[in-house]
Protein backbone atom coordinates (compact mmCIF):
# COMPACT_ATOMS: atom_id res chain seq x y z
CA MET A 1 -0.03 -0.06 0.07
CA ALA A 2 2.84 2.40 -0.72
CA ARG A 3 0.74 4.88 -2.61
CA SER A 4 -1.51 5.41 0.38
CA ASN A 5 1.24 5.88 2.98
CA HIS A 6 2.02 9.22 1.08
CA VAL A 7 -1.06 10.94 0.69
CA GLY A 8 -0.35 13.70 3.50
CA LYS A 9 2.71 14.46 1.72
CA ILE A 10 1.05 14.68 -1.52
CA LEU A 11 -1.54 17.42 0.07
CA ARG A 12 0.97 19.04 1.66
CA HIS A 13 2.68 19.35 -1.67
CA VAL A 14 -0.48 20.63 -3.67
CA LEU A 15 -1.10 22.99 -1.18
CA ALA A 16 2.65 24.38 -1.67
CA LEU A 17 1.69 24.89 -5.28
CA SER A 18 -1.54 26.64 -4.27
CA ILE A 19 0.34 28.99 -2.05
CA ALA A 20 3.67 30.66 -2.97
CA PRO A 21 6.04 29.32 -0.31
CA ALA A 22 8.66 31.61 1.72
CA ALA A 23 11.59 31.81 1.38
CA VAL A 24 13.69 30.54 4.27
CA ALA A 25 17.62 30.06 4.42
CA CYS A 26 19.11 27.54 6.37
CA GLY A 27 21.92 28.49 9.21
CA ILE A 28 23.49 25.00 9.81
CA ASP A 29 26.88 24.24 8.62
CA THR A 30 26.65 20.97 7.76
CA SER A 31 30.10 20.26 6.32
CA GLY A 32 32.03 17.63 8.52
CA PHE A 33 28.89 15.12 8.54
CA GLU A 34 29.18 11.47 7.08
CA PRO A 35 26.09 10.98 5.00
CA LEU A 36 24.39 7.57 5.56
CA VAL A 37 24.50 5.00 3.02
CA CYS A 38 21.19 3.66 1.96
CA GLY A 39 20.07 -0.01 2.27
CA PRO A 40 19.05 -1.89 -0.65
CA ALA A 41 15.26 -0.99 -0.43
CA ASP A 42 16.94 2.95 -0.56
CA GLY A 43 15.95 3.08 3.22
CA THR A 44 18.29 4.33 6.21
CA ARG A 45 20.46 1.00 7.26
CA TYR A 46 19.93 0.99 10.97
CA LEU A 47 21.30 -2.54 12.26
CA SER A 48 25.01 -2.98 10.38
CA ASP A 49 26.74 -0.59 12.64
CA LEU A 50 25.27 -1.59 16.25
CA ARG A 51 27.29 -3.19 18.89
CA PRO A 52 24.80 -4.52 21.04
CA SER A 53 25.77 -5.67 24.70
CA GLU A 54 24.83 -9.22 24.09
CA GLU A 55 26.49 -11.57 21.52
CA LEU A 56 23.51 -12.04 18.97
CA ASP A 57 23.64 -14.13 15.86
CA TYR A 58 21.01 -11.96 14.25
CA MET A 59 18.81 -8.92 14.47
CA GLU A 60 15.66 -7.76 12.25
CA LEU A 61 13.88 -4.46 12.38
CA VAL A 62 10.23 -4.95 11.13
CA ASP A 63 7.68 -2.23 10.63
CA ILE A 64 4.33 -3.44 12.27
CA GLY A 65 1.98 -0.80 10.92
CA GLU A 66 0.07 2.44 12.33
CA GLY A 67 -0.94 1.90 15.74
CA GLY A 68 1.22 -1.45 16.04
CA ILE A 69 -1.54 -3.29 13.99
CA GLY A 70 -0.86 -3.93 10.13
CA GLU A 71 0.96 -6.01 8.22
CA ARG A 72 4.36 -7.55 9.24
CA ARG A 73 7.15 -5.72 7.02
CA PRO A 74 10.68 -6.34 7.48
CA ILE A 75 12.96 -3.30 6.73
CA ASP A 76 16.48 -4.28 7.66
CA SER A 77 18.59 -7.08 9.10
CA PHE A 78 21.86 -7.88 10.02
CA GLY A 79 23.83 -10.88 10.67
CA GLU A 80 23.24 -14.97 9.99
CA LYS A 81 19.45 -15.64 10.74
CA CYS A 82 19.42 -18.88 12.99
CA GLY A 83 23.29 -19.14 12.48
CA SER A 84 23.94 -21.26 15.73
CA ALA A 85 20.55 -22.41 16.34
CA THR A 86 20.14 -26.33 17.17
CA ASP A 87 16.58 -26.37 15.20
CA ALA A 88 17.04 -23.81 12.38
CA ALA A 89 13.61 -24.25 11.05
CA ALA A 90 11.70 -23.84 14.42
CA CYS A 91 13.91 -20.29 15.10
CA GLU A 92 13.62 -19.19 11.77
CA ALA A 93 9.74 -19.80 12.11
CA ALA A 94 9.69 -17.75 15.33
CA ILE A 95 11.71 -14.94 13.49
CA ASP A 96 9.15 -14.83 11.06
CA ALA A 97 6.41 -14.44 13.51
CA ALA A 98 7.84 -12.31 16.04
CA SER A 99 5.56 -9.17 16.34
CA SER A 100 3.73 -7.03 19.11
CA MET A 101 0.78 -5.11 19.72
CA GLN A 102 3.00 -2.36 21.06
CA GLY A 103 6.06 -1.22 19.13
CA PHE A 104 8.10 2.04 18.75
CA ARG A 105 8.25 4.51 16.29
CA LEU A 106 11.12 5.73 14.32
CA GLY A 107 11.82 8.95 12.58
CA ASP A 108 9.31 11.98 12.36
CA CYS A 109 5.62 10.67 12.27
CA VAL A 110 2.94 13.19 10.34
CA ASP A 111 0.43 11.64 8.74
CA PHE A 112 1.24 7.84 8.70
CA CYS A 113 2.90 6.48 12.20
CA PRO A 114 4.13 3.18 11.71
CA ARG A 115 5.45 1.00 14.79
CA HIS A 116 8.69 -1.30 14.74
CA VAL A 117 9.97 -4.00 16.51
CA LEU A 118 13.37 -5.27 16.89
CA VAL A 119 13.61 -8.84 16.51
CA THR A 120 17.09 -10.54 17.83
CA ASN A 121 18.46 -14.06 17.76
CA ALA A 122 21.05 -15.63 19.45
CA ALA A 123 21.52 -19.78 19.11
CA ASP A 124 17.76 -20.74 19.93
CA ALA A 125 16.38 -17.98 21.28
CA VAL A 126 14.42 -15.24 19.69
CA ASP A 127 13.53 -12.13 21.29
CA VAL A 128 11.29 -8.90 20.32
CA LEU A 129 12.16 -5.71 21.81
CA ASP A 130 9.28 -3.45 21.43
CA THR A 131 9.82 -0.13 23.26
CA LYS A 132 12.22 2.54 22.76
CA GLU A 133 13.77 1.56 26.10
CA ALA A 134 14.64 -2.06 25.71
CA VAL A 135 16.23 -1.14 22.33
CA LEU A 136 18.45 1.95 24.08
CA ALA A 137 19.39 -1.09 26.49
CA LEU A 138 20.53 -3.32 23.94
CA ILE A 139 22.76 -0.87 22.24
CA ARG A 140 24.29 1.19 25.40
CA PRO A 141 26.88 2.58 25.56
CA ILE A 142 26.51 4.39 21.96
CA ASP A 143 29.95 3.97 20.89
CA SER A 144 29.19 3.74 17.14
CA GLU A 145 28.01 6.13 14.49
CA GLY A 146 25.09 3.56 13.45
CA GLU A 147 23.93 3.71 17.39
CA ALA A 148 23.80 7.37 17.45
CA VAL A 149 21.70 7.45 14.27
CA LEU A 150 19.00 4.96 15.98
CA ALA A 151 19.16 7.02 19.11
CA ALA A 152 18.44 10.16 17.34
CA SER A 153 15.60 8.24 15.14
CA LEU A 154 14.36 6.88 18.04
CA ALA A 155 14.05 10.26 19.59
CA GLY A 156 11.58 11.24 16.64
CA TYR A 157 14.31 12.65 14.34
CA ARG A 158 14.37 11.89 10.51
CA ILE A 159 18.07 10.74 9.24
CA PRO A 160 17.44 10.24 5.70
CA CYS A 161 20.22 8.28 3.90
CA ASN A 162 22.36 9.47 0.83
CA ASP A 163 21.38 13.13 1.85
CA SER A 164 24.51 15.16 2.87
CA ASP A 165 22.26 18.35 3.57
CA GLU A 166 19.78 16.86 5.72
CA GLY A 167 20.96 13.61 7.43
CA GLY A 168 24.64 12.51 8.64
CA VAL A 169 26.66 11.56 11.57
CA ARG A 170 30.22 12.60 13.06
CA ALA A 171 32.21 11.71 16.00
CA ALA A 172 32.21 15.02 18.70
CA SER A 173 34.29 15.33 22.13
CA SER A 174 31.55 13.83 24.06
CA GLY A 175 29.90 11.49 21.76
CA PHE A 176 28.32 11.96 18.26
CA GLU A 177 26.70 14.58 16.29
CA VAL A 178 23.73 13.82 14.22
CA LEU A 179 21.81 15.66 11.37
CA GLY A 180 18.10 15.06 11.23
CA THR A 181 14.88 16.98 10.31
CA LYS A 182 11.38 17.36 11.98
CA TYR A 183 7.90 18.63 10.95
CA THR A 184 7.50 21.48 13.47
CA ALA A 185 4.41 22.79 12.29
CA VAL A 186 1.97 20.99 9.99
CA CYS A 187 -0.87 23.65 8.94
CA ASP A 188 0.16 27.07 9.82
CA PRO A 189 2.38 27.25 8.54
CA ILE A 190 3.76 23.82 7.21
CA GLU A 191 7.42 24.00 8.58
CA ARG A 192 10.43 21.32 8.42
CA THR A 193 13.32 22.16 10.88
CA LEU A 194 16.86 20.68 10.24
CA TYR A 195 18.55 20.00 13.60
CA ARG A 196 22.09 19.53 15.03
CA LEU A 197 21.58 17.06 17.48
CA ALA A 198 24.14 15.72 20.55
CA VAL A 199 24.14 12.10 21.02
CA ASP A 200 25.66 11.00 24.47
CA ALA A 201 26.66 7.28 25.45
CA ASP A 202 23.72 6.84 27.38
CA GLY A 203 21.68 7.54 24.11
CA ASN A 204 20.24 11.25 25.56
CA VAL A 205 19.49 13.43 22.49
CA THR A 206 20.00 17.36 22.75
CA GLU A 207 18.99 19.77 20.28
CA VAL A 208 22.32 21.85 19.88
CA GLU A 209 21.12 23.96 16.72
CA SER A 210 18.20 24.55 14.51
CA ALA A 211 16.95 26.15 11.40
CA VAL A 212 13.55 25.95 9.55
CA ILE A 213 14.62 24.71 6.14
CA GLU A 214 11.28 24.71 4.61
CA SER A 215 8.07 26.86 5.40
CA GLU A 216 4.92 26.65 3.21
CA ALA A 217 1.63 28.63 4.03
CA GLY A 218 -1.64 26.35 4.43
CA ALA A 219 -13.64 22.64 6.87
CA CYS A 220 -12.83 19.21 6.95
CA ILE A 221 -16.03 17.65 6.21
CA GLY A 222 -15.76 13.77 6.98
CA ARG A 223 -17.12 10.77 4.72
CA ARG A 224 -21.03 10.43 4.22
CA PRO A 225 -22.72 7.44 5.37
CA ALA A 226 -25.00 5.76 2.73
CA GLY A 227 -28.53 6.40 4.40
CA LEU A 228 -27.96 9.92 5.80
CA ALA A 229 -31.14 11.78 5.47
CA ARG A 230 -29.56 15.52 4.51
CA ARG A 231 -30.92 18.26 6.91
CA LYS A 232 -30.48 22.22 6.15
CA ALA A 233 -28.49 23.81 8.83
CA ARG A 234 -29.38 26.78 10.90
CA GLY A 235 -28.00 29.55 12.71
CA SER A 236 -28.54 32.87 13.74
CA THR A 237 -25.52 33.83 11.29
CA ARG A 238 -24.14 32.33 8.02
CA VAL A 239 -20.92 31.36 10.05
CA GLY A 240 -22.86 29.79 12.66
CA ALA A 241 -25.09 27.95 9.96
CA TYR A 242 -21.96 26.65 8.22
CA LEU A 243 -20.47 25.37 11.12
CA ALA A 244 -23.52 23.85 12.41
CA SER A 245 -23.55 21.80 8.90
CA VAL A 246 -19.86 20.52 9.35
CA ALA A 247 -20.88 19.55 12.77
CA HIS A 248 -24.10 17.42 11.40
CA LEU A 249 -21.84 15.79 8.78
CA GLU A 250 -19.00 14.89 11.26
CA ALA A 251 -21.14 13.55 13.22
CA ALA A 252 -22.87 11.41 10.25
CA SER A 253 -19.05 10.25 9.62
CA VAL A 254 -19.27 8.38 12.90
CA ASP A 255 -21.91 5.90 11.52
CA ALA A 256 -20.03 5.96 8.09
CA PHE A 257 -16.65 4.67 9.45
CA GLY A 258 -18.27 2.28 12.07
CA ALA A 259 -20.25 0.59 8.89
CA LEU A 260 -17.33 0.49 6.82
CA ALA A 261 -15.28 -1.08 9.33
CA ALA A 262 -17.81 -3.82 9.68
CA GLU A 263 -18.00 -3.98 5.76
CA LEU A 264 -14.34 -4.50 5.70
CA SER A 265 -14.38 -7.24 8.07
CA HIS A 266 -17.17 -8.72 6.61
CA HIS A 267 -15.39 -8.94 3.21
CA GLY A 268 -12.04 -10.51 4.33
CA ALA A 269 -10.12 -7.14 4.62
CA PRO A 270 -6.69 -7.05 6.20
CA ARG A 271 -7.07 -6.42 10.20
CA ALA A 272 -4.98 -3.40 9.71
CA LEU A 273 -7.47 -1.77 7.34
CA VAL A 274 -10.31 -2.63 9.98
CA GLU A 275 -8.51 -1.16 12.74
CA ARG A 276 -7.85 2.16 10.97
CA ALA A 277 -11.57 2.70 10.07
CA GLU A 278 -12.41 2.26 13.71
CA ILE A 279 -9.75 4.63 14.56
CA ALA A 280 -11.24 6.95 12.09
CA ARG A 281 -14.44 6.58 13.83
CA ARG A 282 -13.35 7.58 17.32
CA ASP A 283 -11.74 10.37 15.49
CA GLU A 284 -14.94 11.81 14.34
CA VAL A 285 -16.60 11.74 17.43
CA ARG A 286 -13.98 14.29 18.39
CA HIS A 287 -14.49 16.24 15.25
CA ALA A 288 -18.32 16.37 15.87
CA ARG A 289 -17.85 17.55 19.13
CA VAL A 290 -15.30 20.49 18.44
CA MET A 291 -17.49 21.42 15.71
CA ARG A 292 -20.43 21.77 17.46
CA ARG A 293 -18.95 24.16 20.26
CA LEU A 294 -17.37 26.29 17.35
CA ALA A 295 -20.83 26.36 15.77
CA SER A 296 -22.78 27.20 19.14
CA ARG A 297 -20.39 30.39 19.50
CA HIS A 298 -21.31 31.68 16.28
CA GLY A 299 -24.84 31.02 16.78
CA GLY A 300 -25.31 27.87 14.70
CA ARG A 301 -27.95 25.25 15.88
CA PHE A 302 -26.58 21.66 15.35
CA ARG A 303 -29.16 18.93 14.38
CA ALA A 304 -28.41 15.30 14.50
CA PRO A 305 -27.81 13.43 11.76
CA SER A 306 -30.69 10.54 10.73
CA VAL A 307 -28.65 7.31 8.85
CA ALA A 308 -31.25 4.69 7.98
CA LYS A 309 -29.60 1.05 8.39
CA GLN A 310 -27.88 -0.30 5.37
CA ALA A 311 -27.64 -4.06 4.18
CA SER A 312 -23.92 -4.93 3.94
CA ARG A 313 -22.87 -4.11 0.40
CA SER A 314 -21.03 -5.73 -2.57
CA LEU A 315 -17.18 -4.92 -2.69
CA GLU A 316 -18.00 -2.91 -5.84
CA ALA A 317 -20.27 -0.84 -3.98
CA ILE A 318 -18.10 -0.14 -1.51
CA ALA A 319 -15.36 0.71 -3.75
CA LEU A 320 -17.60 3.28 -5.61
CA ASP A 321 -18.59 4.99 -2.49
CA ASN A 322 -14.76 4.77 -1.19
CA ALA A 323 -13.51 6.20 -4.52
CA VAL A 324 -16.13 8.91 -4.41
CA GLU A 325 -16.74 9.92 -0.57
CA GLY A 326 -12.85 8.80 0.30
CA CYS A 327 -10.39 9.39 -2.43
CA VAL A 328 -11.96 12.42 -3.82
CA ARG A 329 -14.21 14.35 -1.50
CA GLU A 330 -12.60 13.39 1.87
CA THR A 331 -8.96 13.68 0.42
CA PHE A 332 -10.12 17.47 -0.68
CA GLY A 333 -11.75 18.02 2.66
CA ALA A 334 -8.20 17.62 4.10
CA LEU A 335 -6.63 19.63 2.03
CA VAL A 336 -9.04 22.41 2.77
CA GLY A 337 -8.89 21.96 6.32
CA MET A 338 -4.78 22.61 5.80
CA TRP A 339 -6.04 26.04 3.94
CA GLN A 340 -8.56 27.05 6.51
CA ALA A 341 -5.55 26.23 9.73
CA ARG A 342 -3.40 28.79 7.79
CA ALA A 343 -6.53 31.12 6.70
CA ALA A 344 -8.87 31.31 9.45
CA LYS A 345 -9.40 34.97 11.14
CA ASP A 346 -11.01 33.17 14.43
CA PRO A 347 -8.10 31.59 16.06
CA ALA A 348 -10.40 28.92 17.89
CA VAL A 349 -11.04 27.65 14.27
CA ARG A 350 -7.23 27.66 13.29
CA ARG A 351 -6.39 25.91 16.15
CA ALA A 352 -9.27 23.25 15.63
CA MET A 353 -8.23 22.89 11.99
CA ARG A 354 -4.46 21.93 12.53
CA ARG A 355 -5.74 18.74 14.40
CA ILE A 356 -8.64 17.91 12.27
CA ALA A 357 -6.69 18.45 8.80
CA LEU A 358 -3.93 15.83 10.34
CA ASP A 359 -7.10 13.50 10.99
CA GLU A 360 -8.64 14.03 7.96
CA ALA A 361 -5.12 13.36 6.01
CA ARG A 362 -4.91 9.86 7.71
CA HIS A 363 -8.36 9.01 6.87
CA ALA A 364 -7.86 10.10 3.41
CA SER A 365 -4.84 7.90 3.56
CA LEU A 366 -6.97 4.82 4.55
CA ALA A 367 -9.39 5.47 1.71
CA TRP A 368 -6.62 5.27 -1.00
CA ALA A 369 -5.59 1.97 1.07
CA ILE A 370 -8.73 0.39 1.01
CA ASP A 371 -8.74 1.35 -2.85
CA GLU A 372 -5.50 -0.51 -3.37
CA TRP A 373 -7.07 -3.50 -1.53
CA ILE A 374 -10.30 -3.75 -3.50
CA ARG A 375 -9.10 -2.82 -6.82
CA PRO A 376 -7.34 -6.10 -7.93
CA ARG A 377 -10.36 -7.89 -6.52
CA LEU A 378 -13.18 -6.53 -8.99
CA ASP A 379 -13.26 -7.27 -12.57
CA ALA A 380 -12.00 -4.79 -15.24
CA ALA A 381 -15.80 -3.66 -15.94
CA ALA A 382 -16.43 -2.75 -12.34
CA ARG A 383 -12.54 -0.89 -12.16
CA ALA A 384 -13.66 0.98 -15.12
CA ARG A 385 -17.15 2.25 -13.31
CA ILE A 386 -15.30 3.17 -10.46
CA GLU A 387 -12.62 5.26 -12.39
CA ALA A 388 -15.56 6.91 -14.04
CA ALA A 389 -17.10 7.92 -10.82
CA ARG A 390 -13.96 9.28 -9.50
CA LEU A 391 -13.31 11.60 -12.40
CA ALA A 392 -16.74 12.80 -12.40
CA THR A 393 -16.50 13.58 -8.66
CA LEU A 394 -13.33 15.50 -9.36
CA ASP A 395 -15.16 17.35 -11.78
CA ALA A 396 -17.92 17.96 -9.60
CA VAL A 397 -15.73 19.29 -6.75
CA ALA A 398 -13.75 21.64 -9.08
CA ALA A 399 -16.80 23.19 -10.12
CA GLU A 400 -18.03 23.72 -6.29
CA ALA A 401 -14.50 25.09 -5.58
CA ARG A 402 -14.64 27.66 -8.22
CA ALA A 403 -17.68 29.00 -7.04
CA GLY A 404 -16.07 29.99 -3.91
CA ASN A 405 -17.72 30.84 -0.72
CA ALA A 406 -19.34 33.90 1.16
CA PRO A 407 -17.10 36.45 2.34
CA GLU A 408 -17.81 36.11 5.90
CA LEU A 409 -16.71 32.19 5.59
CA VAL A 410 -13.57 33.09 3.94
CA THR A 411 -12.81 35.66 6.51
CA THR A 412 -13.71 34.10 9.76
CA LEU A 413 -13.36 30.26 8.86
CA GLY A 414 -10.71 30.75 6.26
CA LEU A 415 -12.56 29.01 3.23
CA PRO A 416 -10.96 29.30 -0.15
CA ASP A 417 -12.47 31.95 -2.26
CA GLY A 418 -13.20 31.25 -5.99
CA ALA A 419 -9.51 31.73 -7.11
CA ALA A 420 -7.98 30.02 -4.67
CA GLY A 421 -10.46 27.19 -4.78
CA GLU A 422 -9.70 26.75 -8.68
CA ARG A 423 -6.04 26.86 -7.79
CA LEU A 424 -6.63 24.00 -5.26
CA ALA A 425 -8.79 21.95 -7.30
CA ARG A 426 -6.75 22.12 -9.98
CA HIS A 427 -3.18 21.15 -8.47
CA PHE A 428 -5.30 18.34 -6.64
CA LYS A 429 -6.89 16.91 -9.50
CA ASP A 430 -3.60 16.21 -11.11
CA ALA A 431 -2.27 14.77 -7.49
CA VAL A 432 -5.48 12.40 -7.71
CA LEU A 433 -4.86 11.24 -11.45
CA ALA A 434 -1.56 10.58 -10.41
CA LEU A 435 -2.53 8.34 -7.33
CA SER A 436 -5.10 6.42 -9.19
CA ALA A 437 -2.89 5.78 -12.30
């Protein structure tokens, strides 16, 4: 599901194309740092330079998915698997099955936050390290460049390989220094910061120097469930009525994601997709509550959604709804939310949209992951119908965006006017066509 994992980054790129980025200079001298060598999959190699505190035959770093639940995917390894085991087959089976419901994060986390475990093997013993503390205990004292890079990654910094401007390591008088980056703002504006980090023998990471290296200026309405009875929003002001409408749709999204999780489970979808739909349902409960409060502040009157119970749908029906509501409308809603977080005059709206936009970007990523899972299970005619619906919805969204919004909604809530909506929709369409290719 590689494409779906990049939805958040693609949305930030679309936003950058739609708003002129600020010019930012980097003030950190990166000379003297050794760039990291990429592994076979073009990712940072974490294990080849480790000097663990105990003698091991083999180590394997495994991605276990977002929230610690997902398909198991080894991303780095070092040593000879079960090299001194008395029962190699049993040992290898134990390594291949090793996982955890917990896990630790590596690097920066914005829209998709996979967790990891480190599997170690000595003779017949197979152990799973699923916390940051356990990994640090294994590699202390930090006395190699690779261990310093791993400690910085465990602290939440991205250390890219083959990039001497943003990722590197060098020895220092009291340990090591590492170059790494982190997103320090994700909506207002979107900012990425470069850090010079000090890593001591205990694995403690200290920020020595920092500089913003990217800065880009930036209402998420959730997925509508089948069977939703539309009800006209009311309020003493246009802003209040609009926010009440958003709260209504966010509340309806709670039902939408609950039903989606049940349908995915019914059709045998991977557990990770079902769990992500459940997480999205819980997100929408919070979104609806936040929007109700905002609506009330502006004189809006919330009306609870009425959703007729639906029978379990076919895979094609789910795919069609997902393509329209998830891959287009929800994904565009996440983009508009990023815009609002930058542009809204009401500070409460800006604050709310920063968090909601992040959540909606994850929901959009889920929609594209579902699309990737379902599409191979449909015949060519069904895939063509779904793609036609996606294209028609893109055109409808573009027309709605070009129409713009009422001036008070543009000013108070930061919704795009006609010109901004046209730019957003145009770049968004290009991105969606690339994702669905």
